[in-house]
Amino acid sequence: MSNNHFTNNLRSYKKILPKVNSSNYIDSSAVIVGDVTLANDASIWPLVAARGDVNSITIGARTNIQDGTVLHVTHKNIENPNGYPLNIGADVTVGHKCMLHGCTLGDRILVGMGTIILDNSIIEDDVFIGAGSLVPPNKTLVSGYLYVGNPVKQIRPLKDNEAAFLKKSAANYVALKNDYLAEL
């Protein structure tokens, strides 16, 4: 926690504080609680809630979590000793007002606005999920496809320009968060 702009956003839970660094941007209206780790150049935008209280949340390098998104986990219990942490890979764009709960996302993914991804779902690398989609519990979305719907369905392989956009979107948000950090 080297930057003062993090002070009001980060809250401990059972004496565990989020792990962030000076390359991260966290909007002043976001709340990050407990066992949450942000890799280099990750950004958290307005009104995001990330609650790593009953399990951990990890957010990969150059990943952006956009406005109004909720990140949470599933607690550890007798039936499920590890619970379901939330793991988000590198170069991921999570659109506005999404909900990610106890799932795993690989690298180079775009999660469209309003999408819900539920417990123990796995999103492999290089996936595009259309806005408003629902990924039910225990579902795997395989690499290289566009998925849309409620519940989500595989639509078609990604076009070359869509696959290239996955990394470009993350890079655009790194540049944007750098602009915001420069003004602090």
C-alpha atoms as a PDB file:
ATOM      1  CA  MET A   1       0.000   0.000   0.000  1.00  0.00           C
ATOM      2  CA  SER A   2       2.482   2.584  -1.116  1.00  0.00           C
ATOM      3  CA  ASN A   3       0.003   5.165  -2.481  1.00  0.00           C
ATOM      4  CA  ASN A   4      -2.222   7.213  -0.190  1.00  0.00           C
ATOM      5  CA  HIS A   5      -5.121   7.006  -2.638  1.00  0.00           C
ATOM      6  CA  PHE A   6      -5.658   3.397  -1.503  1.00  0.00           C
ATOM      7  CA  THR A   7      -6.195   4.188   2.173  1.00  0.00           C
ATOM      8  CA  ASN A   8      -9.989   4.509   2.210  1.00  0.00           C
ATOM      9  CA  ASN A   9     -10.623   1.693  -0.285  1.00  0.00           C
ATOM     10  CA  LEU A  10      -8.821  -1.157   1.398  1.00  0.00           C
ATOM     11  CA  ARG A  11     -10.324  -2.862   4.401  1.00  0.00           C
ATOM     12  CA  SER A  12      -8.962  -5.705   6.435  1.00  0.00           C
ATOM     13  CA  TYR A  13     -10.884  -8.810   7.339  1.00  0.00           C
ATOM     14  CA  LYS A  14      -9.512 -10.898  10.212  1.00  0.00           C
ATOM     15  CA  LYS A  15      -6.359  -8.759   9.957  1.00  0.00           C
ATOM     16  CA  ILE A  16      -5.820  -9.648   6.289  1.00  0.00           C
ATOM     17  CA  LEU A  17      -5.395  -6.585   4.071  1.00  0.00           C
ATOM     18  CA  PRO A  18      -5.639  -6.533   0.275  1.00  0.00           C
ATOM     19  CA  LYS A  19      -2.295  -6.686  -1.549  1.00  0.00           C
ATOM     20  CA  VAL A  20      -1.886  -3.900  -4.072  1.00  0.00           C
ATOM     21  CA  ASN A  21       0.995  -1.915  -5.528  1.00  0.00           C
ATOM     22  CA  SER A  22       1.703   1.505  -6.971  1.00  0.00           C
ATOM     23  CA  SER A  23       0.962   0.358 -10.539  1.00  0.00           C
ATOM     24  CA  ASN A  24      -2.678  -0.384  -9.600  1.00  0.00           C
ATOM     25  CA  TYR A  25      -5.526   2.071  -9.958  1.00  0.00           C
ATOM     26  CA  ILE A  26      -8.416   1.746  -7.509  1.00  0.00           C
ATOM     27  CA  ASP A  27     -11.198   4.304  -7.816  1.00  0.00           C
ATOM     28  CA  SER A  28     -12.052   6.104  -4.577  1.00  0.00           C
ATOM     29  CA  SER A  29     -15.612   4.706  -4.642  1.00  0.00           C
ATOM     30  CA  ALA A  30     -14.490   1.048  -4.884  1.00  0.00           C
ATOM     31  CA  VAL A  31     -14.231  -1.195  -1.811  1.00  0.00           C
ATOM     32  CA  ILE A  32     -11.660  -3.991  -1.590  1.00  0.00           C
ATOM     33  CA  VAL A  33     -11.879  -6.232   1.501  1.00  0.00           C
ATOM     34  CA  GLY A  34      -9.625  -8.963   2.893  1.00  0.00           C
ATOM     35  CA  ASP A  35      -7.662 -11.537   0.921  1.00  0.00           C
ATOM     36  CA  VAL A  36      -7.554  -9.781  -2.456  1.00  0.00           C
ATOM     37  CA  THR A  37      -4.380  -9.573  -4.546  1.00  0.00           C
ATOM     38  CA  LEU A  38      -3.928  -7.304  -7.565  1.00  0.00           C
ATOM     39  CA  ALA A  39      -1.056  -7.966  -9.999  1.00  0.00           C
ATOM     40  CA  ASN A  40       0.796  -5.178 -11.799  1.00  0.00           C
ATOM     41  CA  ASP A  41      -1.244  -2.701 -13.851  1.00  0.00           C
ATOM     42  CA  ALA A  42      -4.607  -4.078 -12.692  1.00  0.00           C
ATOM     43  CA  SER A  43      -7.364  -1.494 -12.316  1.00  0.00           C
ATOM     44  CA  ILE A  44     -10.541  -1.295 -10.258  1.00  0.00           C
ATOM     45  CA  TRP A  45     -13.120   1.242 -11.456  1.00  0.00           C
ATOM     46  CA  PRO A  46     -15.979   3.135  -9.733  1.00  0.00           C
ATOM     47  CA  LEU A  47     -18.354   1.297  -7.403  1.00  0.00           C
ATOM     48  CA  VAL A  48     -16.630  -2.094  -7.631  1.00  0.00           C
ATOM     49  CA  ALA A  49     -16.969  -4.314  -4.555  1.00  0.00           C
ATOM     50  CA  ALA A  50     -14.363  -7.074  -4.129  1.00  0.00           C
ATOM     51  CA  ARG A  51     -14.901  -9.055  -0.938  1.00  0.00           C
ATOM     52  CA  GLY A  52     -12.206 -11.610  -0.159  1.00  0.00           C
ATOM     53  CA  ASP A  53     -13.514 -12.460   3.271  1.00  0.00           C
ATOM     54  CA  VAL A  54     -14.369 -16.179   3.264  1.00  0.00           C
ATOM     55  CA  ASN A  55     -11.917 -17.076   0.486  1.00  0.00           C
ATOM     56  CA  SER A  56      -9.349 -15.365  -1.757  1.00  0.00           C
ATOM     57  CA  ILE A  57      -9.581 -13.201  -4.860  1.00  0.00           C
ATOM     58  CA  THR A  58      -6.670 -12.819  -7.286  1.00  0.00           C
ATOM     59  CA  ILE A  59      -6.690 -10.376 -10.190  1.00  0.00           C
ATOM     60  CA  GLY A  60      -4.039 -10.767 -12.889  1.00  0.00           C
ATOM     61  CA  ALA A  61      -1.734  -8.305 -14.587  1.00  0.00           C
ATOM     62  CA  ARG A  62      -3.330  -5.654 -16.814  1.00  0.00           C
ATOM     63  CA  THR A  63      -6.829  -6.819 -15.891  1.00  0.00           C
ATOM     64  CA  ASN A  64      -9.561  -4.222 -15.485  1.00  0.00           C
ATOM     65  CA  ILE A  65     -12.697  -4.578 -13.380  1.00  0.00           C
ATOM     66  CA  GLN A  66     -15.225  -2.004 -14.569  1.00  0.00           C
ATOM     67  CA  ASP A  67     -17.877   0.081 -12.843  1.00  0.00           C
ATOM     68  CA  GLY A  68     -20.434  -1.549 -10.572  1.00  0.00           C
ATOM     69  CA  THR A  69     -18.980  -5.055 -10.710  1.00  0.00           C
ATOM     70  CA  VAL A  70     -19.242  -7.385  -7.700  1.00  0.00           C
ATOM     71  CA  LEU A  71     -16.470  -9.909  -6.988  1.00  0.00           C
ATOM     72  CA  HIS A  72     -17.040 -12.529  -4.294  1.00  0.00           C
ATOM     73  CA  VAL A  73     -16.156 -16.082  -3.270  1.00  0.00           C
ATOM     74  CA  THR A  74     -17.623 -19.225  -1.699  1.00  0.00           C
ATOM     75  CA  HIS A  75     -16.645 -20.196   1.838  1.00  0.00           C
ATOM     76  CA  LYS A  76     -14.763 -23.333   2.764  1.00  0.00           C
ATOM     77  CA  ASN A  77     -16.929 -26.019   4.395  1.00  0.00           C
ATOM     78  CA  ILE A  78     -17.089 -29.744   5.129  1.00  0.00           C
ATOM     79  CA  GLU A  79     -18.628 -30.607   1.746  1.00  0.00           C
ATOM     80  CA  ASN A  80     -16.228 -28.315  -0.124  1.00  0.00           C
ATOM     81  CA  PRO A  81     -13.017 -27.955   1.942  1.00  0.00           C
ATOM     82  CA  ASN A  82     -11.414 -25.445  -0.459  1.00  0.00           C
ATOM     83  CA  GLY A  83     -14.576 -23.472  -1.155  1.00  0.00           C
ATOM     84  CA  TYR A  84     -14.391 -21.547  -4.402  1.00  0.00           C
ATOM     85  CA  PRO A  85     -11.918 -18.689  -4.600  1.00  0.00           C
ATOM     86  CA  LEU A  86     -12.158 -16.162  -7.431  1.00  0.00           C
ATOM     87  CA  ASN A  87      -9.181 -16.253  -9.785  1.00  0.00           C
ATOM     88  CA  ILE A  88      -8.978 -13.861 -12.721  1.00  0.00           C
ATOM     89  CA  GLY A  89      -6.052 -14.123 -15.141  1.00  0.00           C
ATOM     90  CA  ALA A  90      -4.068 -11.507 -17.054  1.00  0.00           C
ATOM     91  CA  ASP A  91      -5.356  -9.154 -19.765  1.00  0.00           C
ATOM     92  CA  VAL A  92      -8.991  -9.664 -18.780  1.00  0.00           C
ATOM     93  CA  THR A  93     -11.660  -7.009 -19.316  1.00  0.00           C
ATOM     94  CA  VAL A  94     -14.643  -7.345 -16.987  1.00  0.00           C
ATOM     95  CA  GLY A  95     -17.379  -5.043 -18.276  1.00  0.00           C
ATOM     96  CA  HIS A  96     -19.684  -2.780 -16.296  1.00  0.00           C
ATOM     97  CA  LYS A  97     -22.036  -4.256 -13.682  1.00  0.00           C
ATOM     98  CA  CYS A  98     -20.879  -7.873 -13.836  1.00  0.00           C
ATOM     99  CA  MET A  99     -20.991 -10.425 -11.030  1.00  0.00           C
ATOM    100  CA  LEU A 100     -18.186 -12.969 -10.693  1.00  0.00           C
ATOM    101  CA  HIS A 101     -18.642 -15.461  -7.864  1.00  0.00           C
ATOM    102  CA  GLY A 102     -16.160 -18.199  -6.955  1.00  0.00           C
ATOM    103  CA  CYS A 103     -15.082 -18.878 -10.536  1.00  0.00           C
ATOM    104  CA  THR A 104     -11.837 -19.086 -12.509  1.00  0.00           C
ATOM    105  CA  LEU A 105     -11.032 -16.967 -15.548  1.00  0.00           C
ATOM    106  CA  GLY A 106      -7.943 -17.554 -17.678  1.00  0.00           C
ATOM    107  CA  ASP A 107      -6.099 -14.925 -19.727  1.00  0.00           C
ATOM    108  CA  ARG A 108      -7.327 -12.638 -22.536  1.00  0.00           C
ATOM    109  CA  ILE A 109     -11.035 -12.750 -21.789  1.00  0.00           C
ATOM    110  CA  LEU A 110     -13.732 -10.163 -22.327  1.00  0.00           C
ATOM    111  CA  VAL A 111     -16.715 -10.442 -19.978  1.00  0.00           C
ATOM    112  CA  GLY A 112     -19.534  -8.369 -21.476  1.00  0.00           C
ATOM    113  CA  MET A 113     -21.544  -5.882 -19.428  1.00  0.00           C
ATOM    114  CA  GLY A 114     -24.048  -7.343 -16.992  1.00  0.00           C
ATOM    115  CA  THR A 115     -22.686 -10.877 -17.223  1.00  0.00           C
ATOM    116  CA  ILE A 116     -22.958 -13.251 -14.247  1.00  0.00           C
ATOM    117  CA  ILE A 117     -20.437 -16.074 -13.791  1.00  0.00           C
ATOM    118  CA  LEU A 118     -21.217 -18.482 -10.944  1.00  0.00           C
ATOM    119  CA  ASP A 119     -19.405 -20.922  -8.639  1.00  0.00           C
ATOM    120  CA  ASN A 120     -16.849 -23.378  -9.931  1.00  0.00           C
ATOM    121  CA  SER A 121     -17.197 -22.198 -13.530  1.00  0.00           C
ATOM    122  CA  ILE A 122     -14.010 -22.165 -15.570  1.00  0.00           C
ATOM    123  CA  ILE A 123     -13.466 -19.743 -18.421  1.00  0.00           C
ATOM    124  CA  GLU A 124     -10.449 -20.820 -20.457  1.00  0.00           C
ATOM    125  CA  ASP A 125      -8.056 -18.410 -22.214  1.00  0.00           C
ATOM    126  CA  ASP A 126      -9.141 -16.327 -25.216  1.00  0.00           C
ATOM    127  CA  VAL A 127     -12.898 -16.211 -24.662  1.00  0.00           C
ATOM    128  CA  PHE A 128     -15.432 -13.487 -25.478  1.00  0.00           C
ATOM    129  CA  ILE A 129     -18.645 -13.533 -23.400  1.00  0.00           C
ATOM    130  CA  GLY A 130     -21.465 -11.359 -24.738  1.00  0.00           C
ATOM    131  CA  ALA A 131     -23.277  -8.793 -22.600  1.00  0.00           C
ATOM    132  CA  GLY A 132     -25.993 -10.030 -20.269  1.00  0.00           C
ATOM    133  CA  SER A 133     -24.878 -13.661 -20.326  1.00  0.00           C
ATOM    134  CA  LEU A 134     -25.283 -16.130 -17.451  1.00  0.00           C
ATOM    135  CA  VAL A 135     -22.604 -18.760 -16.905  1.00  0.00           C
ATOM    136  CA  PRO A 136     -24.192 -21.330 -14.559  1.00  0.00           C
ATOM    137  CA  PRO A 137     -22.282 -23.154 -11.807  1.00  0.00           C
ATOM    138  CA  ASN A 138     -19.756 -25.827 -12.809  1.00  0.00           C
ATOM    139  CA  LYS A 139     -19.709 -24.781 -16.491  1.00  0.00           C
ATOM    140  CA  THR A 140     -16.513 -24.703 -18.576  1.00  0.00           C
ATOM    141  CA  LEU A 141     -16.198 -22.311 -21.525  1.00  0.00           C
ATOM    142  CA  VAL A 142     -13.455 -23.624 -23.801  1.00  0.00           C
ATOM    143  CA  SER A 143     -10.825 -21.421 -25.372  1.00  0.00           C
ATOM    144  CA  GLY A 144     -11.283 -19.588 -28.650  1.00  0.00           C
ATOM    145  CA  TYR A 145     -15.044 -19.031 -28.797  1.00  0.00           C
ATOM    146  CA  LEU A 146     -17.761 -16.417 -28.507  1.00  0.00           C
ATOM    147  CA  TYR A 147     -20.417 -17.269 -25.906  1.00  0.00           C
ATOM    148  CA  VAL A 148     -23.775 -15.525 -25.458  1.00  0.00           C
ATOM    149  CA  GLY A 149     -27.042 -16.110 -23.645  1.00  0.00           C
ATOM    150  CA  ASN A 150     -28.896 -16.998 -20.471  1.00  0.00           C
ATOM    151  CA  PRO A 151     -27.746 -19.688 -19.939  1.00  0.00           C
ATOM    152  CA  VAL A 152     -24.635 -19.090 -22.013  1.00  0.00           C
ATOM    153  CA  LYS A 153     -24.162 -21.048 -25.248  1.00  0.00           C
ATOM    154  CA  GLN A 154     -21.146 -21.433 -27.503  1.00  0.00           C
ATOM    155  CA  ILE A 155     -21.928 -19.421 -30.669  1.00  0.00           C
ATOM    156  CA  ARG A 156     -18.886 -19.679 -32.940  1.00  0.00           C
ATOM    157  CA  PRO A 157     -15.085 -19.530 -33.035  1.00  0.00           C
ATOM    158  CA  LEU A 158     -13.611 -16.085 -32.426  1.00  0.00           C
ATOM    159  CA  LYS A 159     -12.736 -14.107 -35.539  1.00  0.00           C
ATOM    160  CA  ASP A 160      -9.121 -12.917 -35.776  1.00  0.00           C
ATOM    161  CA  ASN A 161     -10.078  -9.301 -35.042  1.00  0.00           C
ATOM    162  CA  GLU A 162     -12.065 -10.373 -31.955  1.00  0.00           C
ATOM    163  CA  ALA A 163      -9.173 -12.433 -30.620  1.00  0.00           C
ATOM    164  CA  ALA A 164      -6.821  -9.463 -31.162  1.00  0.00           C
ATOM    165  CA  PHE A 165      -9.286  -7.152 -29.407  1.00  0.00           C
ATOM    166  CA  LEU A 166      -9.045  -9.158 -26.165  1.00  0.00           C
ATOM    167  CA  LYS A 167      -5.476  -8.014 -25.524  1.00  0.00           C
ATOM    168  CA  LYS A 168      -6.092  -4.553 -27.046  1.00  0.00           C
ATOM    169  CA  SER A 169      -8.974  -3.918 -24.616  1.00  0.00           C
ATOM    170  CA  ALA A 170      -6.745  -4.698 -21.644  1.00  0.00           C
ATOM    171  CA  ALA A 171      -3.983  -2.459 -23.025  1.00  0.00           C
ATOM    172  CA  ASN A 172      -6.471   0.408 -23.479  1.00  0.00           C
ATOM    173  CA  TYR A 173      -7.410   0.158 -19.809  1.00  0.00           C
ATOM    174  CA  VAL A 174      -3.760   0.128 -18.726  1.00  0.00           C
ATOM    175  CA  ALA A 175      -3.288   3.426 -20.592  1.00  0.00           C
ATOM    176  CA  LEU A 176      -6.485   4.826 -19.068  1.00  0.00           C
ATOM    177  CA  LYS A 177      -5.541   3.877 -15.503  1.00  0.00           C
ATOM    178  CA  ASN A 178      -2.118   5.480 -16.071  1.00  0.00           C
ATOM    179  CA  ASP A 179      -3.896   8.728 -16.999  1.00  0.00           C
ATOM    180  CA  TYR A 180      -5.937   8.527 -13.793  1.00  0.00           C
ATOM    181  CA  LEU A 181      -2.861   7.767 -11.672  1.00  0.00           C
ATOM    182  CA  ALA A 182      -1.036  10.747 -13.185  1.00  0.00           C
ATOM    183  CA  GLU A 183      -3.773  13.055 -11.911  1.00  0.00           C
ATOM    184  CA  LEU A 184      -3.617  11.820  -8.314  1.00  0.00           C
END
